[in-house]
Amino acid sequence: MNNTIAVIIPAYNEEQSIAHVIHDIPKNIANHIIVVNNNSTDHTQQIAENAGATVLLEKQMGYGYACLKGLDYIAKNNINPDIVVFLDGDYSDYPEEMIDLVKPIITQNYDMVIGARTKSGREKHSMTPQQIFGNWLATRLMKIIFNAKFTDLGPFRAIKYDSLLKLNMQDKTYGWTIEMQLKALKQKINYLEVPVRYKKRIGVSKVSGTIKGTIFAGIKILSWIFKYSFK
């Protein structure tokens, strides 16, 4: 592939998993692997650097803060990728499936591709009941309100860089994925879902693994949906 692809991996205390994630990324398609260390208290940064990634530090805690830090680095270093891929650092996704996400963009001119964690591709207990319900509720509301075809808010996703810039992403915490999908709907960008496999993450989730994280993520997701339903 001749397209320039940048991968952004937000990571908070992922010392057990981050090297596996970086290692499994197809190096023949990923030109830039950027790990954003979101103020980890373990050895995430050193391990990611040793694995060959460019590592940035974002002290402000939040998934969106980390993603925006990665995009700021891309802009300031004039990388100008054709495609940006977002991938979690917990090794719950299969990084080698990145080819399945970028292929429809390259060969069919889609703007954005979401990796959908289908039931048949999910390892048992890899998603909590609240995650499954939250995804169902959010995508159901998007279908009712916006006639969307999304079935998942999966964080493993690829998007054309110029399309991403047009979305003017702003969310700093739990609402990053839903904001991207809602803005894609509003701006009528061409999107697609492809099924991806999903396994139990290494370590404990900082969102779905805590009551506070689950509640705040749910509130943020619903607030974005209702905010855009009145625009």
Protein backbone atom coordinates (compact mmCIF):
# COMPACT_ATOMS: atom_id res chain seq x y z
CA MET A 1 0.00 0.00 0.00
CA ASN A 2 1.27 3.44 -0.89
CA ASN A 3 -0.97 5.29 1.54
CA THR A 4 0.57 6.92 4.61
CA ILE A 5 -1.10 5.55 7.72
CA ALA A 6 -0.66 6.87 11.26
CA VAL A 7 -1.80 4.84 14.25
CA ILE A 8 -2.74 6.56 17.53
CA ILE A 9 -2.86 4.42 20.67
CA PRO A 10 -4.06 6.06 23.91
CA ALA A 11 -2.55 4.19 26.86
CA TYR A 12 -2.91 4.47 30.62
CA ASN A 13 -1.06 1.91 32.73
CA GLU A 14 -0.82 -0.67 29.94
CA GLU A 15 2.69 -1.98 30.67
CA GLN A 16 1.50 -5.59 30.38
CA SER A 17 -0.15 -5.18 26.99
CA ILE A 18 1.33 -2.28 25.02
CA ALA A 19 4.28 -4.20 23.56
CA HIS A 20 1.92 -6.90 22.26
CA VAL A 21 -0.26 -4.26 20.60
CA ILE A 22 2.69 -2.57 18.89
CA HIS A 23 4.23 -5.87 17.82
CA ASP A 24 1.01 -7.07 16.15
CA ILE A 25 0.43 -3.93 14.09
CA PRO A 26 1.16 -4.74 10.42
CA LYS A 27 4.37 -2.79 9.81
CA ASN A 28 3.92 -2.99 6.06
CA ILE A 29 0.95 -0.60 6.27
CA ALA A 30 1.57 1.47 9.41
CA ASN A 31 4.06 4.27 8.77
CA HIS A 32 3.76 5.97 12.16
CA ILE A 33 2.86 4.30 15.47
CA ILE A 34 2.10 6.90 18.12
CA VAL A 35 1.45 5.84 21.71
CA VAL A 36 0.04 8.57 23.92
CA ASN A 37 0.99 7.87 27.51
CA ASN A 38 -1.95 9.30 29.44
CA ASN A 39 -0.03 10.02 32.65
CA SER A 40 0.66 6.35 33.42
CA THR A 41 2.17 5.45 36.78
CA ASP A 42 3.77 2.24 35.51
CA HIS A 43 6.34 1.49 32.78
CA THR A 44 4.02 2.00 29.79
CA GLN A 45 6.20 4.72 28.29
CA GLN A 46 9.50 2.84 28.46
CA ILE A 47 8.02 -0.39 27.16
CA ALA A 48 6.28 1.37 24.25
CA GLU A 49 9.50 3.17 23.33
CA ASN A 50 11.46 -0.09 23.46
CA ALA A 51 8.86 -1.66 21.18
CA GLY A 52 9.56 1.01 18.57
CA ALA A 53 6.69 3.46 18.97
CA THR A 54 6.84 7.23 19.16
CA VAL A 55 5.64 7.98 22.69
CA LEU A 56 4.00 11.24 23.76
CA LEU A 57 3.01 12.30 27.27
CA GLU A 58 -0.45 13.70 27.94
CA LYS A 59 -0.77 14.53 31.63
CA GLN A 60 -4.43 15.54 31.39
CA MET A 61 -6.37 12.33 32.00
CA GLY A 62 -8.98 11.36 29.43
CA TYR A 63 -9.32 9.24 26.29
CA GLY A 64 -10.15 12.27 24.16
CA TYR A 65 -7.22 14.24 25.56
CA ALA A 66 -4.90 11.42 24.51
CA CYS A 67 -6.36 11.18 21.00
CA LEU A 68 -6.13 14.95 20.53
CA LYS A 69 -2.49 14.88 21.69
CA GLY A 70 -1.72 12.36 18.97
CA LEU A 71 -3.44 14.48 16.34
CA ASP A 72 -1.59 17.58 17.53
CA TYR A 73 1.70 15.72 17.08
CA ILE A 74 0.72 14.70 13.55
CA ALA A 75 -0.16 18.28 12.64
CA LYS A 76 2.92 19.89 14.18
CA ASN A 77 5.27 17.41 12.53
CA ASN A 78 3.68 17.76 9.08
CA ILE A 79 3.11 14.03 8.81
CA ASN A 80 -0.01 14.51 6.67
CA PRO A 81 -1.18 10.89 6.68
CA ASP A 82 -3.83 9.67 4.29
CA ILE A 83 -5.47 7.62 7.04
CA VAL A 84 -5.48 7.70 10.84
CA VAL A 85 -6.21 4.53 12.79
CA PHE A 86 -7.26 4.58 16.45
CA LEU A 87 -6.48 1.50 18.49
CA ASP A 88 -6.67 0.77 22.21
CA GLY A 89 -3.58 -0.20 24.17
CA ASP A 90 -5.14 -3.02 26.19
CA TYR A 91 -4.74 -5.77 23.54
CA SER A 92 -8.47 -6.48 23.40
CA ASP A 93 -8.48 -5.80 19.66
CA TYR A 94 -6.51 -7.74 17.06
CA PRO A 95 -4.11 -5.15 15.58
CA GLU A 96 -3.42 -7.39 12.60
CA GLU A 97 -7.02 -6.76 11.48
CA MET A 98 -6.06 -3.17 10.74
CA ILE A 99 -5.80 -4.17 7.10
CA ASP A 100 -9.54 -4.92 7.12
CA LEU A 101 -10.29 -1.40 8.36
CA VAL A 102 -8.11 0.54 5.94
CA LYS A 103 -8.85 -1.55 2.85
CA PRO A 104 -12.38 -0.15 2.23
CA ILE A 105 -10.97 3.37 2.50
CA ILE A 106 -8.24 2.65 -0.01
CA THR A 107 -10.13 0.49 -2.48
CA GLN A 108 -13.73 1.75 -2.14
CA ASN A 109 -13.16 5.36 -1.10
CA TYR A 110 -14.98 5.17 2.22
CA ASP A 111 -14.19 8.03 4.59
CA MET A 112 -14.49 6.12 7.85
CA VAL A 113 -14.54 2.47 8.87
CA ILE A 114 -15.59 1.27 12.33
CA GLY A 115 -14.48 -2.10 13.66
CA ALA A 116 -17.72 -3.66 14.90
CA ARG A 117 -17.34 -6.12 17.76
CA THR A 118 -19.96 -8.61 16.64
CA LYS A 119 -21.30 -11.24 19.03
CA SER A 120 -19.82 -14.07 16.96
CA GLY A 121 -16.38 -12.46 17.04
CA ARG A 122 -16.31 -11.60 20.75
CA GLU A 123 -14.54 -13.80 23.22
CA LYS A 124 -16.75 -14.76 26.16
CA HIS A 125 -16.75 -12.07 28.88
CA SER A 126 -14.61 -9.74 26.73
CA MET A 127 -17.33 -7.07 27.03
CA THR A 128 -19.25 -6.38 30.21
CA PRO A 129 -23.06 -6.46 30.22
CA GLN A 130 -23.11 -2.68 30.65
CA GLN A 131 -20.86 -2.25 27.61
CA ILE A 132 -23.10 -4.45 25.49
CA PHE A 133 -26.24 -2.66 26.64
CA GLY A 134 -24.67 0.78 26.26
CA ASN A 135 -23.60 0.03 22.71
CA TRP A 136 -27.05 -1.30 21.87
CA LEU A 137 -28.81 1.72 23.36
CA ALA A 138 -26.53 4.30 21.74
CA THR A 139 -26.64 2.74 18.27
CA ARG A 140 -30.39 2.17 18.57
CA LEU A 141 -30.94 5.83 19.38
CA MET A 142 -28.72 6.86 16.46
CA LYS A 143 -30.79 4.66 14.17
CA ILE A 144 -34.07 6.15 15.39
CA ILE A 145 -32.91 9.77 15.38
CA PHE A 146 -30.44 9.85 12.50
CA ASN A 147 -31.26 6.68 10.53
CA ALA A 148 -27.70 5.49 11.22
CA LYS A 149 -26.47 2.00 10.41
CA PHE A 150 -23.97 1.73 13.24
CA THR A 151 -24.10 -1.32 15.52
CA ASP A 152 -21.11 -0.50 17.71
CA LEU A 153 -19.06 2.34 19.19
CA GLY A 154 -15.89 0.29 18.86
CA PRO A 155 -12.69 2.29 19.42
CA PHE A 156 -10.78 0.36 16.73
CA ARG A 157 -11.43 2.55 13.69
CA ALA A 158 -9.85 4.12 10.62
CA ILE A 159 -10.66 7.44 9.00
CA LYS A 160 -9.28 9.61 6.22
CA TYR A 161 -7.15 12.33 7.77
CA ASP A 162 -8.80 15.15 5.84
CA SER A 163 -12.26 13.87 6.85
CA LEU A 164 -11.14 13.68 10.47
CA LEU A 165 -9.95 17.28 10.42
CA LYS A 166 -13.33 18.40 9.12
CA LEU A 167 -15.03 16.81 12.12
CA ASN A 168 -13.24 19.24 14.45
CA MET A 169 -13.12 16.75 17.29
CA GLN A 170 -13.47 18.25 20.76
CA ASP A 171 -14.44 15.67 23.38
CA LYS A 172 -11.74 15.19 25.98
CA THR A 173 -12.97 12.09 27.80
CA TYR A 174 -15.47 9.28 27.31
CA GLY A 175 -17.40 10.77 24.40
CA TRP A 176 -14.67 10.65 21.74
CA THR A 177 -16.03 7.68 19.77
CA ILE A 178 -19.68 8.77 19.81
CA GLU A 179 -18.73 12.34 18.87
CA MET A 180 -16.86 11.09 15.82
CA GLN A 181 -19.78 8.95 14.68
CA LEU A 182 -22.40 11.63 15.27
CA LYS A 183 -20.39 14.25 13.41
CA ALA A 184 -19.83 11.79 10.57
CA LEU A 185 -23.60 11.40 10.32
CA LYS A 186 -24.20 15.15 10.42
CA GLN A 187 -21.59 15.82 7.76
CA LYS A 188 -22.81 12.86 5.70
CA ILE A 189 -19.38 11.32 5.31
CA ASN A 190 -19.26 7.87 3.75
CA TYR A 191 -18.88 5.23 6.46
CA LEU A 192 -18.83 1.47 6.83
CA GLU A 193 -18.65 -1.10 9.61
CA VAL A 194 -16.52 -4.22 9.29
CA PRO A 195 -16.66 -7.08 11.81
CA VAL A 196 -13.61 -7.47 14.03
CA ARG A 197 -12.73 -9.97 16.70
CA TYR A 198 -12.49 -8.94 20.33
CA LYS A 199 -10.87 -10.65 23.32
CA LYS A 200 -10.59 -10.08 27.05
CA ARG A 201 -8.29 -7.18 27.68
CA ILE A 202 -5.08 -7.46 29.66
CA GLY A 203 -5.60 -5.75 33.01
CA VAL A 204 -8.69 -3.94 34.30
CA SER A 205 -10.69 -1.49 32.21
CA LYS A 206 -10.51 2.09 33.43
CA VAL A 207 -14.03 2.75 32.12
CA SER A 208 -16.28 -0.33 32.08
CA GLY A 209 -14.26 -1.91 34.90
CA THR A 210 -15.39 0.73 37.42
CA ILE A 211 -18.84 1.94 38.49
CA LYS A 212 -17.76 5.58 38.15
CA GLY A 213 -16.34 5.03 34.67
CA THR A 214 -19.43 3.20 33.49
CA ILE A 215 -21.80 5.90 34.78
CA PHE A 216 -19.81 8.81 33.39
CA ALA A 217 -19.31 7.11 30.03
CA GLY A 218 -23.03 6.45 29.78
CA ILE A 219 -23.91 10.03 30.64
CA LYS A 220 -21.41 11.43 28.15
CA ILE A 221 -22.59 9.17 25.32
CA LEU A 222 -26.26 9.99 25.85
CA SER A 223 -25.54 13.72 26.19
CA TRP A 224 -23.75 13.75 22.82
CA ILE A 225 -26.66 11.96 21.16
CA PHE A 226 -29.30 14.31 22.53
CA LYS A 227 -27.14 17.35 21.87
CA TYR A 228 -26.93 16.45 18.19
CA SER A 229 -30.58 15.44 17.93
CA PHE A 230 -31.53 19.10 18.45
CA LYS A 231 -28.98 20.57 16.03
